[in-house]
């Protein structure tokens, strides 16, 4: 900075403090390996929010046992929902009539169940 330039030193000090704290937290996560795993590019909470926004979370959760085996997606009432889940990488086509869970879909459902158990205990 040039001496002739006016600066907002308190604001700069606050920003430096905030960035230092964030940096320390991220370094801590890397050191302990607790960096949040991403599911198809999104964190669990981000993906959960997307599914809630699309009114798919309950559908996906209620049909999880069928998705684990083979879920028929030719039915017009569920086809659009299943296609959205395919687009999100949570299920994949097994053949022309059925879909099943992907590894990301299994991970998401496991985290969702753990979250629901935690919320019940509160």
Protein backbone atom coordinates (compact mmCIF):
# COMPACT_ATOMS: atom_id res chain seq x y z
CA UNK A 1 0.00 0.00 0.00
CA UNK A 2 1.08 3.47 -0.67
CA UNK A 3 1.20 5.82 2.28
CA UNK A 4 -1.09 8.21 0.45
CA UNK A 5 -3.80 5.55 0.11
CA UNK A 6 -6.51 5.64 2.73
CA UNK A 7 -7.29 2.22 4.14
CA UNK A 8 -9.80 0.86 6.53
CA UNK A 9 -7.38 -0.78 8.96
CA UNK A 10 -10.01 -2.17 11.37
CA UNK A 11 -11.86 -3.86 8.50
CA UNK A 12 -8.61 -5.26 7.12
CA UNK A 13 -7.61 -6.55 10.55
CA UNK A 14 -11.01 -8.26 10.94
CA UNK A 15 -10.68 -9.90 7.53
CA UNK A 16 -7.15 -11.11 8.30
CA UNK A 17 -8.36 -12.56 11.61
CA UNK A 18 -11.29 -14.32 9.92
CA UNK A 19 -9.07 -15.79 7.20
CA UNK A 20 -6.47 -16.89 9.75
CA UNK A 21 -9.17 -18.70 11.75
CA UNK A 22 -10.55 -20.37 8.62
CA UNK A 23 -7.04 -21.36 7.55
CA UNK A 24 -6.37 -22.94 10.95
CA UNK A 25 -9.64 -24.89 10.80
CA UNK A 26 -8.88 -26.20 7.31
CA UNK A 27 -5.35 -27.18 8.31
CA UNK A 28 -6.80 -29.02 11.29
CA UNK A 29 -9.22 -30.90 9.09
CA UNK A 30 -6.44 -31.92 6.73
CA UNK A 31 -4.21 -33.01 9.60
CA UNK A 32 -6.89 -35.21 11.15
CA UNK A 33 -8.38 -36.43 7.88
CA UNK A 34 -11.85 -35.15 8.80
CA UNK A 35 -12.40 -33.40 5.50
CA UNK A 36 -16.03 -33.94 4.53
CA UNK A 37 -16.47 -36.53 1.83
CA UNK A 38 -18.33 -35.36 -1.26
CA UNK A 39 -21.04 -37.33 -2.98
CA UNK A 40 -20.99 -36.59 -6.69
CA UNK A 41 -19.37 -33.22 -6.09
CA UNK A 42 -21.67 -32.11 -3.26
CA UNK A 43 -21.38 -32.42 0.48
CA UNK A 44 -24.04 -34.50 2.19
CA UNK A 45 -25.90 -31.41 3.40
CA UNK A 46 -25.77 -29.78 -0.03
CA UNK A 47 -27.14 -32.91 -1.71
CA UNK A 48 -29.82 -33.26 0.97
CA UNK A 49 -30.91 -29.66 0.33
CA UNK A 50 -31.06 -30.28 -3.44
CA UNK A 51 -33.21 -33.39 -2.95
CA UNK A 52 -35.50 -31.55 -0.52
CA UNK A 53 -35.87 -28.70 -3.00
CA UNK A 54 -36.87 -31.15 -5.73
CA UNK A 55 -39.26 -33.02 -3.38
CA UNK A 56 -37.18 -36.18 -3.83
CA UNK A 57 -35.76 -36.80 -0.37
CA UNK A 58 -38.79 -38.61 1.06
CA UNK A 59 -39.29 -40.60 -2.15
CA UNK A 60 -35.65 -41.72 -2.17
CA UNK A 61 -35.62 -42.54 1.54
CA UNK A 62 -38.96 -44.41 1.52
CA UNK A 63 -37.90 -46.58 -1.43
CA UNK A 64 -34.32 -47.26 -0.32
CA UNK A 65 -34.81 -51.00 0.13
CA UNK A 66 -36.28 -51.28 -3.37
CA UNK A 67 -33.45 -49.20 -4.82
CA UNK A 68 -30.98 -51.54 -3.09
CA UNK A 69 -32.42 -54.43 -5.11
CA UNK A 70 -34.02 -53.23 -8.34
CA UNK A 71 -36.55 -50.42 -8.61
CA UNK A 72 -38.85 -50.35 -11.66
CA UNK A 73 -38.80 -46.95 -13.33
CA UNK A 74 -41.18 -47.49 -16.23
CA UNK A 75 -44.18 -46.29 -14.17
CA UNK A 76 -45.07 -42.75 -15.33
CA UNK A 77 -45.76 -41.57 -11.75
CA UNK A 78 -42.23 -42.35 -10.57
CA UNK A 79 -40.25 -42.11 -13.80
CA UNK A 80 -39.47 -38.39 -13.55
CA UNK A 81 -38.34 -38.79 -9.94
CA UNK A 82 -36.11 -41.72 -10.81
CA UNK A 83 -34.62 -39.81 -13.74
CA UNK A 84 -33.74 -36.94 -11.37
CA UNK A 85 -32.04 -39.42 -9.02
CA UNK A 86 -30.11 -40.82 -11.99
CA UNK A 87 -29.06 -37.28 -12.92
CA UNK A 88 -27.79 -36.74 -9.36
CA UNK A 89 -25.79 -39.99 -9.53
CA UNK A 90 -27.65 -41.67 -6.67
CA UNK A 91 -29.14 -44.49 -8.75
CA UNK A 92 -28.16 -46.03 -12.07
CA UNK A 93 -29.87 -48.07 -14.73
CA UNK A 94 -29.48 -51.82 -14.27
CA UNK A 95 -31.37 -52.59 -17.47
CA UNK A 96 -34.21 -51.05 -19.48
CA UNK A 97 -36.74 -51.56 -16.70
CA UNK A 98 -34.90 -51.23 -13.38
CA UNK A 99 -32.49 -48.98 -11.50
CA UNK A 100 -30.35 -49.63 -8.44
CA UNK A 101 -28.26 -47.66 -5.98
CA UNK A 102 -24.84 -46.34 -6.83
CA UNK A 103 -22.03 -46.22 -4.26
CA UNK A 104 -22.82 -42.52 -3.83
CA UNK A 105 -26.48 -43.36 -3.27
CA UNK A 106 -25.58 -45.88 -0.57
CA UNK A 107 -23.26 -43.39 1.12
CA UNK A 108 -25.96 -40.72 1.05
CA UNK A 109 -28.62 -43.02 2.52
CA UNK A 110 -26.24 -44.19 5.27
CA UNK A 111 -25.46 -40.59 6.24
CA UNK A 112 -29.15 -39.70 6.12
CA UNK A 113 -30.02 -42.55 8.46
CA UNK A 114 -27.25 -41.55 10.87
CA UNK A 115 -28.50 -37.96 10.83
CA UNK A 116 -32.07 -39.07 11.52
CA UNK A 117 -30.92 -41.21 14.46
CA UNK A 118 -28.97 -38.30 15.89
CA UNK A 119 -32.00 -36.02 15.58
CA UNK A 120 -34.25 -38.59 17.31
CA UNK A 121 -31.93 -38.71 20.32
CA UNK A 122 -32.19 -34.96 20.87
